């Protein structure tokens, strides 16, 4: 399968064990860092990764790409508006 969309996400150290246990099938690289667990994901399109990342809440921080950062922010705003 030729996956062309790449994202990098860092997960807080306190949720590292749960992220490892529930790793996305899109993960191609997992690296422990001083900040937490750095995960590289590859997919056909951004939407394939969005829900999995959102499921980790504030424990996930998208490093790149910028388009995914913006999309996560938009989703969070929509969630707040619906409360």
C-alpha atoms as a PDB file:
ATOM      1  CA  UNK A   1       0.000   0.000   0.000  1.00  0.00           C
ATOM      2  CA  UNK A   2       1.405   3.402  -0.961  1.00  0.00           C
ATOM      3  CA  UNK A   3       0.749   5.811   1.924  1.00  0.00           C
ATOM      4  CA  UNK A   4       1.654   9.411   1.232  1.00  0.00           C
ATOM      5  CA  UNK A   5       0.432  11.503   4.183  1.00  0.00           C
ATOM      6  CA  UNK A   6       2.850  11.699   7.134  1.00  0.00           C
ATOM      7  CA  UNK A   7       2.178  13.110  10.598  1.00  0.00           C
ATOM      8  CA  UNK A   8       4.244  13.251  13.779  1.00  0.00           C
ATOM      9  CA  UNK A   9       2.531  13.280  17.163  1.00  0.00           C
ATOM     10  CA  UNK A  10       3.995  13.328  20.653  1.00  0.00           C
ATOM     11  CA  UNK A  11       2.036  11.663  23.440  1.00  0.00           C
ATOM     12  CA  UNK A  12       2.459  12.660  27.078  1.00  0.00           C
ATOM     13  CA  UNK A  13       4.628  10.296  29.113  1.00  0.00           C
ATOM     14  CA  UNK A  14       1.763   9.505  31.492  1.00  0.00           C
ATOM     15  CA  UNK A  15      -0.302   7.916  28.720  1.00  0.00           C
ATOM     16  CA  UNK A  16       2.622   6.177  27.002  1.00  0.00           C
ATOM     17  CA  UNK A  17       1.572   2.649  28.138  1.00  0.00           C
ATOM     18  CA  UNK A  18      -1.980   3.058  26.809  1.00  0.00           C
ATOM     19  CA  UNK A  19      -0.812   4.531  23.507  1.00  0.00           C
ATOM     20  CA  UNK A  20       1.559   1.583  23.018  1.00  0.00           C
ATOM     21  CA  UNK A  21      -1.230  -0.872  23.855  1.00  0.00           C
ATOM     22  CA  UNK A  22      -3.670   0.804  21.441  1.00  0.00           C
ATOM     23  CA  UNK A  23      -1.266   1.760  18.680  1.00  0.00           C
ATOM     24  CA  UNK A  24      -2.715   2.846  15.361  1.00  0.00           C
ATOM     25  CA  UNK A  25      -2.121   0.604  12.369  1.00  0.00           C
ATOM     26  CA  UNK A  26      -0.847   3.755  10.653  1.00  0.00           C
ATOM     27  CA  UNK A  27       2.150   4.028  13.017  1.00  0.00           C
ATOM     28  CA  UNK A  28       5.451   3.497  11.214  1.00  0.00           C
ATOM     29  CA  UNK A  29       7.859   4.642  13.922  1.00  0.00           C
ATOM     30  CA  UNK A  30       7.603   4.883  17.710  1.00  0.00           C
ATOM     31  CA  UNK A  31      10.361   6.607  19.671  1.00  0.00           C
ATOM     32  CA  UNK A  32      10.493   7.326  23.401  1.00  0.00           C
ATOM     33  CA  UNK A  33      11.714  10.872  24.110  1.00  0.00           C
ATOM     34  CA  UNK A  34      12.192  13.049  27.188  1.00  0.00           C
ATOM     35  CA  UNK A  35       8.822  14.661  26.427  1.00  0.00           C
ATOM     36  CA  UNK A  36       6.883  11.472  25.823  1.00  0.00           C
ATOM     37  CA  UNK A  37       6.284   9.012  23.018  1.00  0.00           C
ATOM     38  CA  UNK A  38       6.945  10.307  19.497  1.00  0.00           C
ATOM     39  CA  UNK A  39       4.845   8.493  16.898  1.00  0.00           C
ATOM     40  CA  UNK A  40       5.159   8.857  13.131  1.00  0.00           C
ATOM     41  CA  UNK A  41       1.995   7.972  11.230  1.00  0.00           C
ATOM     42  CA  UNK A  42       1.521   7.415   7.503  1.00  0.00           C
ATOM     43  CA  UNK A  43      -1.836   7.269   5.745  1.00  0.00           C
ATOM     44  CA  UNK A  44      -3.493   8.123   2.440  1.00  0.00           C
ATOM     45  CA  UNK A  45      -5.119  11.226   3.880  1.00  0.00           C
ATOM     46  CA  UNK A  46      -5.343  13.311   7.031  1.00  0.00           C
ATOM     47  CA  UNK A  47      -8.895  12.236   7.887  1.00  0.00           C
ATOM     48  CA  UNK A  48      -7.692   8.672   8.476  1.00  0.00           C
ATOM     49  CA  UNK A  49      -5.640   9.823  11.480  1.00  0.00           C
ATOM     50  CA  UNK A  50      -7.886  12.498  12.944  1.00  0.00           C
ATOM     51  CA  UNK A  51     -10.203  10.417  15.151  1.00  0.00           C
ATOM     52  CA  UNK A  52      -7.432   8.277  16.619  1.00  0.00           C
ATOM     53  CA  UNK A  53      -5.419  11.350  17.604  1.00  0.00           C
ATOM     54  CA  UNK A  54      -8.467  13.162  18.990  1.00  0.00           C
ATOM     55  CA  UNK A  55      -9.247  10.133  21.137  1.00  0.00           C
ATOM     56  CA  UNK A  56      -6.154  10.864  23.226  1.00  0.00           C
ATOM     57  CA  UNK A  57      -7.370  14.340  24.134  1.00  0.00           C
ATOM     58  CA  UNK A  58      -4.835  16.743  25.639  1.00  0.00           C
ATOM     59  CA  UNK A  59      -2.344  13.876  25.941  1.00  0.00           C
ATOM     60  CA  UNK A  60      -1.608  14.136  22.201  1.00  0.00           C
ATOM     61  CA  UNK A  61       0.215  17.038  20.577  1.00  0.00           C
ATOM     62  CA  UNK A  62       0.568  17.157  16.799  1.00  0.00           C
ATOM     63  CA  UNK A  63       4.028  18.318  15.769  1.00  0.00           C
ATOM     64  CA  UNK A  64       3.442  18.223  12.039  1.00  0.00           C
ATOM     65  CA  UNK A  65       1.984  18.871   9.581  1.00  0.00           C
ATOM     66  CA  UNK A  66       0.488  22.268  10.242  1.00  0.00           C
ATOM     67  CA  UNK A  67      -2.714  21.340   8.401  1.00  0.00           C
ATOM     68  CA  UNK A  68      -3.399  18.562  10.910  1.00  0.00           C
ATOM     69  CA  UNK A  69      -2.693  20.891  13.850  1.00  0.00           C
ATOM     70  CA  UNK A  70      -5.293  23.297  12.476  1.00  0.00           C
ATOM     71  CA  UNK A  71      -7.826  20.533  11.888  1.00  0.00           C
ATOM     72  CA  UNK A  72      -7.431  19.264  15.476  1.00  0.00           C
ATOM     73  CA  UNK A  73      -7.965  22.828  16.747  1.00  0.00           C
ATOM     74  CA  UNK A  74     -11.095  23.214  14.604  1.00  0.00           C
ATOM     75  CA  UNK A  75     -12.524  19.939  15.929  1.00  0.00           C
ATOM     76  CA  UNK A  76     -11.804  20.954  19.534  1.00  0.00           C
ATOM     77  CA  UNK A  77     -13.585  24.262  18.990  1.00  0.00           C
ATOM     78  CA  UNK A  78     -16.612  22.491  17.517  1.00  0.00           C
ATOM     79  CA  UNK A  79     -16.686  20.158  20.502  1.00  0.00           C
ATOM     80  CA  UNK A  80     -16.696  23.091  22.911  1.00  0.00           C
ATOM     81  CA  UNK A  81     -19.488  24.821  21.003  1.00  0.00           C
ATOM     82  CA  UNK A  82     -21.693  21.752  21.213  1.00  0.00           C
ATOM     83  CA  UNK A  83     -21.466  21.570  25.023  1.00  0.00           C
END
